[in-house]
């Protein structure tokens, strides 16, 4: 402990030495933020359009033979389109019997689910009453840069105590495809160090123009562990993530227009296949195992069969569905691409004496 304290004091003493000669640029930035701080104006303008979204459920109490209305939890939602449309996360509304939008002016309004996309964790709800609100402007998450200042508006923990809390930070990283290890799709998450907490999900991640560029939905929580000597521990701090608006907005637009979001496909159902890097005689390689081929899809027309293992997309090695989505989710309906497959069975389902490698071209289609 004494050594640690001595080191801390040394660092503290050294900082002014460097600061005296090398922080003129930092001083100018600090002065600029003090006298030209845009955050209060952005908050005042955008905050009324960020609401609490409460999730309500009904349970039957056998003892009293009565139905009880209970709040299961709450998140945040952002007014994005005139007509009462709010953007939020799928996991906020999942399992709700009833939804309530709670506005900054104190009104509590019944909301209905328009539609959602679980894979990208995006949902749209609608209020069927006249709202005196301005939709938040939609920004481009593709224009974000690491180090850029961002803001978060949402309601953490309790809507009575902490309605529309503002936090700020920077973009810590982009295209964090592996951050949400529970997701099957790669959606290029935005990593931020602004404070977010339970209840912030579905709120607004804003740039300094006051445009929504993402939906905060996840953070890494701190946890402790001890080694054999009962000493070591780990804490996660400042690790929060948002769904990029470039991903969320097309989904929201489709939900508003049609009530759902459908991705183009080429007519196969697949599961992850664990295996070696290269195909072996008795061991199919890691990739996507095709379980079923739909007769109305371009995969069927290209000659794909059940049992084929997809190993490459446009020449890029793919070992699981997440790898696949990194490439294919960037393509539009009607676009074609090549897939490499390894085949172990003939058209009658019998094992081949030697596996076959094929390269086929398929086209994304709206099959459903």
Protein backbone atom coordinates (compact mmCIF):
# COMPACT_ATOMS: atom_id res chain seq x y z
CA UNK A 1 0.00 0.00 0.00
CA UNK A 2 2.84 2.43 0.85
CA UNK A 3 4.49 1.80 -2.51
CA UNK A 4 1.17 2.42 -4.29
CA UNK A 5 0.65 5.65 -2.35
CA UNK A 6 4.16 6.84 -3.16
CA UNK A 7 3.60 6.15 -6.84
CA UNK A 8 0.32 8.08 -6.80
CA UNK A 9 1.98 11.07 -5.15
CA UNK A 10 4.79 11.00 -7.67
CA UNK A 11 2.35 11.07 -10.57
CA UNK A 12 0.43 13.92 -8.97
CA UNK A 13 3.55 15.96 -8.53
CA UNK A 14 4.73 15.33 -12.07
CA UNK A 15 1.52 16.47 -13.78
CA UNK A 16 2.00 20.25 -13.27
CA UNK A 17 5.52 20.03 -14.71
CA UNK A 18 4.15 18.81 -18.04
CA UNK A 19 1.05 20.98 -17.81
CA UNK A 20 3.02 24.19 -17.46
CA UNK A 21 4.65 23.90 -20.85
CA UNK A 22 2.44 21.68 -22.97
CA UNK A 23 -1.26 22.34 -22.36
CA UNK A 24 -1.92 25.66 -24.06
CA UNK A 25 -4.19 23.86 -26.55
CA UNK A 26 -6.03 22.11 -23.72
CA UNK A 27 -6.51 25.43 -21.89
CA UNK A 28 -8.06 26.96 -25.01
CA UNK A 29 -10.38 23.96 -25.37
CA UNK A 30 -11.42 24.20 -21.73
CA UNK A 31 -12.06 27.94 -22.08
CA UNK A 32 -14.07 27.35 -25.25
CA UNK A 33 -16.28 24.75 -23.54
CA UNK A 34 -16.81 27.00 -20.54
CA UNK A 35 -18.01 29.97 -22.55
CA UNK A 36 -19.44 28.23 -25.61
CA UNK A 37 -20.79 25.07 -24.03
CA UNK A 38 -23.52 23.72 -26.37
CA UNK A 39 -24.81 21.08 -23.97
CA UNK A 40 -27.39 23.18 -22.07
CA UNK A 41 -29.00 24.38 -25.32
CA UNK A 42 -29.07 20.85 -26.77
CA UNK A 43 -30.62 19.46 -23.60
CA UNK A 44 -33.26 22.20 -23.45
CA UNK A 45 -34.18 21.60 -27.09
CA UNK A 46 -34.12 17.80 -27.18
CA UNK A 47 -35.12 16.75 -23.67
CA UNK A 48 -38.89 17.23 -24.06
CA UNK A 49 -38.81 14.73 -26.92
CA UNK A 50 -37.16 12.03 -24.79
CA UNK A 51 -39.70 10.21 -22.63
CA UNK A 52 -39.96 7.40 -20.13
CA UNK A 53 -41.43 4.19 -21.53
CA UNK A 54 -43.02 2.17 -18.74
CA UNK A 55 -43.76 -1.54 -19.15
CA UNK A 56 -46.92 -2.70 -17.39
CA UNK A 57 -48.16 -6.21 -16.78
CA UNK A 58 -51.30 -7.69 -15.26
CA UNK A 59 -51.37 -10.53 -12.76
CA UNK A 60 -54.23 -12.35 -11.10
CA UNK A 61 -54.14 -12.53 -7.32
CA UNK A 62 -55.74 -15.81 -6.37
CA UNK A 63 -56.12 -14.81 -2.73
CA UNK A 64 -58.21 -11.72 -3.53
CA UNK A 65 -59.59 -12.94 -6.86
CA UNK A 66 -58.54 -9.68 -8.46
CA UNK A 67 -56.30 -8.48 -11.24
CA UNK A 68 -53.36 -6.31 -10.29
CA UNK A 69 -51.62 -3.83 -12.55
CA UNK A 70 -47.87 -3.83 -11.98
CA UNK A 71 -44.99 -1.93 -13.50
CA UNK A 72 -42.39 -4.47 -14.62
CA UNK A 73 -39.80 -1.85 -15.40
CA UNK A 74 -39.10 1.13 -17.56
CA UNK A 75 -36.73 2.42 -20.18
CA UNK A 76 -36.52 5.49 -22.36
CA UNK A 77 -37.95 6.37 -25.76
CA UNK A 78 -37.26 9.12 -28.31
CA UNK A 79 -39.87 10.97 -30.37
CA UNK A 80 -38.64 10.48 -33.94
CA UNK A 81 -41.58 11.08 -36.26
CA UNK A 82 -44.73 13.16 -36.22
CA UNK A 83 -47.86 11.17 -35.63
CA UNK A 84 -46.80 9.91 -32.20
CA UNK A 85 -43.89 7.60 -33.11
CA UNK A 86 -41.22 6.86 -30.49
CA UNK A 87 -38.03 4.85 -30.97
CA UNK A 88 -36.77 2.50 -28.25
CA UNK A 89 -35.15 -0.91 -27.73
CA UNK A 90 -36.83 -4.25 -28.30
CA UNK A 91 -35.72 -5.50 -24.90
CA UNK A 92 -37.53 -2.59 -23.23
CA UNK A 93 -40.95 -3.59 -24.61
CA UNK A 94 -40.42 -7.35 -24.65
CA UNK A 95 -43.13 -9.15 -22.67
CA UNK A 96 -45.21 -6.05 -21.97
CA UNK A 97 -48.98 -6.31 -21.53
CA UNK A 98 -49.30 -2.55 -21.71
CA UNK A 99 -47.03 0.40 -22.46
CA UNK A 100 -47.07 3.94 -21.11
CA UNK A 101 -45.25 7.00 -22.39
CA UNK A 102 -44.50 9.44 -19.57
CA UNK A 103 -43.69 12.93 -20.80
CA UNK A 104 -41.69 15.70 -19.17
CA UNK A 105 -44.88 17.76 -18.68
CA UNK A 106 -46.25 15.04 -16.40
CA UNK A 107 -48.68 13.45 -18.82
CA UNK A 108 -48.95 9.66 -18.87
CA UNK A 109 -50.20 8.36 -22.21
CA UNK A 110 -51.09 4.86 -23.35
CA UNK A 111 -48.79 3.62 -26.10
CA UNK A 112 -49.04 0.73 -28.52
CA UNK A 113 -46.31 -1.37 -30.05
CA UNK A 114 -46.01 -0.76 -33.80
CA UNK A 115 -43.30 -3.36 -34.34
CA UNK A 116 -39.81 -4.44 -33.34
CA UNK A 117 -36.68 -6.19 -34.53
CA UNK A 118 -35.13 -8.36 -31.83
CA UNK A 119 -31.91 -8.97 -33.75
CA UNK A 120 -30.94 -5.27 -33.77
CA UNK A 121 -32.78 -4.52 -30.49
CA UNK A 122 -34.95 -1.84 -32.10
CA UNK A 123 -38.64 -1.12 -31.52
CA UNK A 124 -41.18 1.57 -32.37
CA UNK A 125 -44.17 2.51 -30.20
CA UNK A 126 -46.95 4.96 -30.97
CA UNK A 127 -49.10 7.36 -28.98
CA UNK A 128 -52.49 8.11 -30.52
CA UNK A 129 -52.91 11.53 -28.94
CA UNK A 130 -51.89 14.97 -30.13
CA UNK A 131 -48.36 15.77 -29.02
CA UNK A 132 -46.79 19.20 -28.90
CA UNK A 133 -43.32 17.78 -29.48
CA UNK A 134 -40.61 18.20 -32.10
CA UNK A 135 -39.13 14.99 -33.50
CA UNK A 136 -35.44 14.65 -32.74
CA UNK A 137 -33.34 15.08 -35.87
CA UNK A 138 -31.80 11.89 -37.24
CA UNK A 139 -28.02 11.98 -37.53
CA UNK A 140 -25.56 9.71 -39.30
CA UNK A 141 -23.65 7.38 -37.04
CA UNK A 142 -21.30 6.64 -39.94
CA UNK A 143 -19.91 10.15 -39.55
CA UNK A 144 -18.89 9.65 -35.92
CA UNK A 145 -15.21 9.65 -35.04
CA UNK A 146 -13.41 8.19 -32.06
CA UNK A 147 -12.85 11.00 -29.57
CA UNK A 148 -15.94 12.94 -30.64
CA UNK A 149 -18.03 14.38 -27.79
CA UNK A 150 -21.47 12.77 -27.41
CA UNK A 151 -24.41 13.20 -25.06
CA UNK A 152 -26.91 10.77 -23.57
CA UNK A 153 -30.43 11.72 -22.46
CA UNK A 154 -32.57 9.15 -20.69
CA UNK A 155 -34.05 8.23 -17.35
CA UNK A 156 -31.94 5.90 -15.21
CA UNK A 157 -33.22 4.01 -12.20
CA UNK A 158 -36.35 5.98 -11.25
CA UNK A 159 -38.55 8.27 -13.33
CA UNK A 160 -39.80 10.08 -10.23
CA UNK A 161 -36.30 11.05 -9.11
CA UNK A 162 -34.14 11.14 -12.24
CA UNK A 163 -36.34 12.00 -15.21
CA UNK A 164 -34.21 12.85 -18.24
CA UNK A 165 -30.70 12.81 -16.87
CA UNK A 166 -28.01 14.25 -19.13
CA UNK A 167 -24.59 12.63 -19.25
CA UNK A 168 -21.74 13.24 -21.66
CA UNK A 169 -18.54 11.62 -22.81
CA UNK A 170 -16.73 10.67 -25.97
CA UNK A 171 -16.96 8.00 -28.61
CA UNK A 172 -14.55 5.38 -27.28
CA UNK A 173 -14.77 2.98 -30.21
CA UNK A 174 -16.70 2.14 -33.36
CA UNK A 175 -17.89 -1.06 -35.04
CA UNK A 176 -17.71 -3.11 -31.84
CA UNK A 177 -19.25 -6.20 -33.45
CA UNK A 178 -18.22 -8.58 -30.69
CA UNK A 179 -19.24 -6.47 -27.69
CA UNK A 180 -22.72 -7.96 -27.38
CA UNK A 181 -21.77 -11.62 -27.19
CA UNK A 182 -25.44 -12.65 -26.84
CA UNK A 183 -26.39 -11.20 -30.22
CA UNK A 184 -26.27 -13.35 -33.33
CA UNK A 185 -25.92 -10.36 -35.68
CA UNK A 186 -23.01 -7.99 -36.09
CA UNK A 187 -24.37 -4.44 -36.03
CA UNK A 188 -21.23 -2.37 -35.43
CA UNK A 189 -21.99 -1.02 -31.95
CA UNK A 190 -20.86 2.43 -30.83
CA UNK A 191 -18.77 2.34 -27.66
CA UNK A 192 -19.03 5.37 -25.36
CA UNK A 193 -17.77 6.34 -21.93
CA UNK A 194 -20.78 8.49 -21.01
CA UNK A 195 -22.56 7.16 -17.93
CA UNK A 196 -25.57 4.97 -18.70
CA UNK A 197 -27.55 2.88 -16.24
CA UNK A 198 -30.66 0.68 -16.18
CA UNK A 199 -33.47 2.83 -17.56
CA UNK A 200 -31.26 4.56 -20.14
CA UNK A 201 -32.05 1.83 -22.67
CA UNK A 202 -34.00 3.28 -25.57
CA UNK A 203 -32.85 6.84 -24.92
CA UNK A 204 -30.91 9.20 -27.15
CA UNK A 205 -27.22 9.22 -27.98
CA UNK A 206 -26.67 12.67 -29.49
CA UNK A 207 -23.89 14.46 -31.33
CA UNK A 208 -23.09 18.13 -30.76
CA UNK A 209 -25.68 19.12 -33.37
CA UNK A 210 -28.36 17.62 -31.16
CA UNK A 211 -28.99 14.81 -33.68
CA UNK A 212 -29.67 11.29 -32.51
CA UNK A 213 -26.85 9.02 -33.68
CA UNK A 214 -27.53 5.94 -31.57
CA UNK A 215 -29.68 4.18 -29.00
CA UNK A 216 -27.91 3.37 -25.70
CA UNK A 217 -28.81 -0.18 -24.75
CA UNK A 218 -26.03 -1.95 -22.89
CA UNK A 219 -23.15 -1.47 -20.49
CA UNK A 220 -20.57 -3.74 -18.96
CA UNK A 221 -21.20 -3.93 -15.24
CA UNK A 222 -18.42 -3.99 -12.66
CA UNK A 223 -17.74 -7.26 -10.91
CA UNK A 224 -15.11 -8.55 -8.56
CA UNK A 225 -13.19 -11.77 -8.44
CA UNK A 226 -10.46 -12.99 -6.14
CA UNK A 227 -7.43 -15.08 -6.95
CA UNK A 228 -5.91 -17.85 -4.87
CA UNK A 229 -4.43 -15.23 -2.53
CA UNK A 230 -7.80 -13.52 -2.13
CA UNK A 231 -6.47 -10.23 -3.50
CA UNK A 232 -7.14 -9.49 -7.17
CA UNK A 233 -10.31 -7.90 -8.49
CA UNK A 234 -11.63 -6.41 -11.72
CA UNK A 235 -14.05 -3.52 -12.26
CA UNK A 236 -15.50 -2.39 -15.60
CA UNK A 237 -16.01 1.35 -15.85
CA UNK A 238 -17.06 3.59 -18.72
CA UNK A 239 -17.97 0.74 -21.06
CA UNK A 240 -21.35 1.52 -22.59
CA UNK A 241 -22.70 0.73 -26.04
CA UNK A 242 -25.33 2.05 -28.44
CA UNK A 243 -27.08 0.72 -31.53
CA UNK A 244 -25.91 2.93 -34.45
CA UNK A 245 -28.61 5.10 -36.01
CA UNK A 246 -27.53 3.99 -39.47
CA UNK A 247 -28.74 0.53 -38.41
CA UNK A 248 -31.76 1.57 -36.34
CA UNK A 249 -33.32 4.19 -38.62
CA UNK A 250 -33.99 2.00 -41.70
CA UNK A 251 -35.53 -0.59 -39.38
CA UNK A 252 -37.70 2.07 -37.72
CA UNK A 253 -38.81 3.47 -41.08
CA UNK A 254 -39.86 0.01 -42.25
CA UNK A 255 -41.73 -0.68 -39.02
CA UNK A 256 -43.59 2.65 -39.28
CA UNK A 257 -44.50 1.97 -42.92
CA UNK A 258 -45.40 -1.72 -42.72
CA UNK A 259 -45.47 -2.76 -39.04
CA UNK A 260 -42.43 -4.99 -39.42
CA UNK A 261 -38.86 -5.19 -40.65
CA UNK A 262 -37.80 -7.98 -42.98
CA UNK A 263 -34.29 -8.67 -44.16
CA UNK A 264 -33.60 -9.93 -47.67
CA UNK A 265 -32.46 -13.56 -47.81
CA UNK A 266 -31.42 -16.17 -50.33
CA UNK A 267 -33.62 -18.94 -49.00
CA UNK A 268 -31.63 -21.15 -46.64
CA UNK A 269 -31.76 -21.83 -42.91
CA UNK A 270 -28.40 -22.32 -41.21
CA UNK A 271 -26.77 -23.07 -37.88
CA UNK A 272 -23.21 -22.51 -36.72
CA UNK A 273 -20.99 -25.51 -37.36
CA UNK A 274 -17.95 -26.02 -35.16
CA UNK A 275 -15.05 -27.67 -36.89
CA UNK A 276 -11.49 -27.33 -38.11
CA UNK A 277 -10.23 -24.39 -40.13
CA UNK A 278 -9.88 -26.52 -43.26
CA UNK A 279 -12.22 -29.36 -44.28
CA UNK A 280 -11.14 -32.88 -43.35
CA UNK A 281 -12.52 -36.16 -44.68
CA UNK A 282 -14.66 -36.90 -41.65
CA UNK A 283 -14.87 -33.41 -40.14
CA UNK A 284 -16.70 -30.58 -41.92
CA UNK A 285 -15.00 -27.20 -41.39
CA UNK A 286 -16.20 -24.39 -39.18
CA UNK A 287 -18.86 -22.38 -40.97
CA UNK A 288 -22.60 -22.27 -41.55
CA UNK A 289 -24.30 -25.63 -41.90
CA UNK A 290 -27.28 -25.44 -44.26
CA UNK A 291 -30.23 -27.25 -42.67
CA UNK A 292 -32.90 -26.45 -45.23
CA UNK A 293 -33.05 -24.96 -48.72
CA UNK A 294 -36.28 -23.23 -49.76
CA UNK A 295 -37.43 -23.96 -53.29
CA UNK A 296 -38.42 -20.35 -53.98
CA UNK A 297 -35.04 -18.90 -53.03
CA UNK A 298 -31.97 -18.04 -55.08
CA UNK A 299 -29.94 -20.52 -52.99
CA UNK A 300 -32.00 -23.38 -54.40
CA UNK A 301 -31.63 -22.02 -57.91
CA UNK A 302 -27.86 -21.76 -57.42
CA UNK A 303 -27.66 -25.45 -56.49
CA UNK A 304 -27.25 -25.35 -52.70
CA UNK A 305 -28.22 -28.48 -50.76
CA UNK A 306 -29.02 -29.36 -47.20
CA UNK A 307 -25.78 -30.43 -45.50
CA UNK A 308 -23.54 -28.00 -47.38
CA UNK A 309 -21.24 -25.92 -45.17
CA UNK A 310 -20.70 -22.27 -46.10
CA UNK A 311 -17.08 -21.26 -45.44
CA UNK A 312 -16.59 -17.99 -47.35
CA UNK A 313 -18.71 -15.01 -48.41
CA UNK A 314 -17.24 -12.86 -51.18
CA UNK A 315 -13.92 -14.55 -50.48
CA UNK A 316 -13.95 -13.71 -46.75
CA UNK A 317 -13.73 -16.59 -44.25
CA UNK A 318 -16.87 -16.95 -42.13
CA UNK A 319 -17.02 -19.33 -39.19
CA UNK A 320 -20.39 -18.41 -37.71
CA UNK A 321 -23.57 -16.45 -38.34
CA UNK A 322 -22.14 -13.28 -36.84
CA UNK A 323 -19.26 -13.36 -39.34
CA UNK A 324 -21.81 -13.82 -42.11
CA UNK A 325 -23.94 -10.83 -41.06
CA UNK A 326 -20.91 -8.53 -40.99
CA UNK A 327 -20.82 -8.87 -44.76
CA UNK A 328 -24.34 -9.66 -45.93
CA UNK A 329 -26.20 -7.10 -43.79
CA UNK A 330 -24.41 -4.37 -45.74
CA UNK A 331 -25.91 -5.62 -49.01
CA UNK A 332 -29.30 -4.58 -50.38
CA UNK A 333 -32.16 -6.51 -51.88
CA UNK A 334 -31.26 -7.60 -55.41
CA UNK A 335 -27.50 -7.65 -54.82
CA UNK A 336 -25.60 -10.82 -55.65
CA UNK A 337 -22.58 -12.27 -53.88
CA UNK A 338 -20.49 -15.42 -53.97
CA UNK A 339 -20.42 -18.12 -51.34
CA UNK A 340 -17.95 -20.97 -51.00
CA UNK A 341 -19.33 -24.25 -49.71
CA UNK A 342 -17.97 -27.66 -48.83
CA UNK A 343 -20.24 -30.61 -49.76
CA UNK A 344 -20.08 -34.02 -48.08
CA UNK A 345 -23.25 -35.66 -49.42
CA UNK A 346 -24.69 -36.38 -52.85
CA UNK A 347 -28.18 -35.42 -54.02
CA UNK A 348 -29.61 -38.57 -52.39
CA UNK A 349 -28.09 -37.69 -49.02
CA UNK A 350 -25.40 -40.36 -49.17
CA UNK A 351 -21.84 -39.63 -48.08
CA UNK A 352 -19.43 -38.73 -50.87
CA UNK A 353 -16.13 -40.58 -51.03
CA UNK A 354 -14.41 -37.20 -51.04
CA UNK A 355 -15.79 -33.82 -50.12
CA UNK A 356 -16.29 -31.25 -52.87
CA UNK A 357 -15.57 -27.51 -52.79
CA UNK A 358 -17.95 -25.25 -54.73
CA UNK A 359 -18.27 -21.54 -55.38
CA UNK A 360 -21.79 -20.33 -56.12
CA UNK A 361 -23.51 -16.99 -56.70
CA UNK A 362 -26.72 -16.12 -54.87
CA UNK A 363 -28.94 -13.04 -54.80
CA UNK A 364 -30.68 -11.45 -51.82
CA UNK A 365 -34.47 -11.47 -52.18
CA UNK A 366 -37.54 -10.56 -50.15
CA UNK A 367 -38.82 -14.11 -49.93
CA UNK A 368 -41.33 -13.77 -47.10
